[in-house]
Protein backbone atom coordinates (compact mmCIF):
# COMPACT_ATOMS: atom_id res chain seq x y z
CA UNK A 1 -46.02 -135.99 128.85
CA UNK A 2 -49.58 -134.20 128.88
CA UNK A 3 -49.64 -130.52 129.03
CA UNK A 4 -52.28 -128.70 130.77
CA UNK A 5 -52.85 -125.03 131.74
CA UNK A 6 -53.08 -124.06 135.63
CA UNK A 7 -56.88 -123.43 135.42
CA UNK A 8 -59.39 -123.81 138.15
CA UNK A 9 -61.87 -125.35 135.82
CA UNK A 10 -60.07 -128.58 136.30
CA UNK A 11 -61.07 -131.22 138.98
CA UNK A 12 -58.05 -132.87 141.14
CA UNK A 13 -58.96 -136.29 142.23
CA UNK A 14 -58.57 -136.65 146.04
CA UNK A 15 -59.13 -140.36 146.19
CA UNK A 16 -57.94 -141.85 143.04
CA UNK A 17 -58.90 -145.64 142.18
CA UNK A 18 -56.40 -148.36 141.58
CA UNK A 19 -56.30 -147.88 137.83
CA UNK A 20 -53.79 -144.72 138.36
CA UNK A 21 -51.29 -147.53 139.93
CA UNK A 22 -51.83 -150.22 137.70
CA UNK A 23 -49.81 -151.05 134.68
CA UNK A 24 -51.25 -152.51 131.61
CA UNK A 25 -49.51 -154.79 129.02
CA UNK A 26 -49.91 -154.56 125.21
CA UNK A 27 -53.17 -155.56 123.61
CA UNK A 28 -54.90 -155.92 127.27
CA UNK A 29 -58.50 -154.04 127.70
CA UNK A 30 -58.45 -150.46 128.54
CA UNK A 31 -60.35 -150.04 132.17
CA UNK A 32 -61.22 -146.07 131.69
CA UNK A 33 -60.76 -143.78 128.90
CA UNK A 34 -57.65 -141.69 129.18
CA UNK A 35 -53.90 -140.60 128.34
CA UNK A 36 -51.66 -143.40 129.04
CA UNK A 37 -47.76 -143.42 129.11
CA UNK A 38 -45.54 -146.09 128.30
CA UNK A 39 -43.21 -146.20 131.62
CA UNK A 40 -40.21 -147.16 129.44
CA UNK A 41 -39.97 -144.81 127.20
CA UNK A 42 -42.79 -142.26 127.90
CA UNK A 43 -44.47 -142.34 124.79
CA UNK A 44 -48.32 -141.49 125.47
CA UNK A 45 -51.58 -142.90 123.73
CA UNK A 46 -54.82 -141.75 124.03
CA UNK A 47 -57.28 -144.84 124.69
CA UNK A 48 -60.76 -145.32 125.14
CA UNK A 49 -62.37 -147.48 127.74
CA UNK A 50 -63.43 -151.22 126.48
CA UNK A 51 -60.73 -150.99 123.53
CA UNK A 52 -57.39 -152.74 123.54
CA UNK A 53 -54.23 -151.08 124.14
CA UNK A 54 -51.51 -150.59 121.44
CA UNK A 55 -50.19 -154.23 120.32
CA UNK A 56 -46.46 -155.31 121.38
CA UNK A 57 -45.15 -153.78 117.90
CA UNK A 58 -46.82 -150.46 118.46
CA UNK A 59 -43.49 -149.20 119.40
CA UNK A 60 -40.07 -150.72 119.88
CA UNK A 61 -37.87 -149.88 122.98
CA UNK A 62 -34.29 -150.23 123.42
CA UNK A 63 -33.37 -153.10 125.83
CA UNK A 64 -32.82 -150.69 128.88
CA UNK A 65 -36.06 -149.23 128.85
CA UNK A 66 -37.91 -152.51 129.76
CA UNK A 67 -40.97 -153.89 128.26
CA UNK A 68 -44.04 -151.71 126.78
CA UNK A 69 -46.40 -151.19 129.79
CA UNK A 70 -49.18 -148.37 129.97
CA UNK A 71 -50.11 -146.45 133.27
CA UNK A 72 -52.86 -143.74 133.21
CA UNK A 73 -51.43 -140.37 133.07
CA UNK A 74 -54.55 -138.43 132.61
CA UNK A 75 -58.03 -139.70 133.15
CA UNK A 76 -60.66 -138.42 130.43
CA UNK A 77 -64.15 -137.97 131.85
CA UNK A 78 -66.21 -139.53 129.13
CA UNK A 79 -69.32 -140.02 131.11
CA UNK A 80 -69.80 -136.33 132.16
CA UNK A 81 -70.06 -137.49 136.11
């Protein structure tokens, strides 16, 4: 889980793009830089736009956790906009 402080310097997105709700498989191209959480086991990775998500063998799940699928948890504003 990503942790943060309650600090007014942080911006809240009021109209998030589709990248927040989409899920991405192992080795797919990262659409936006950020912290992504595996929906099955809750492990997180930091990934840069244009790179690939970790491959399938990055970590293994128990059968009950389902497939490895990454979903954006924190967007990192690397463009300064």
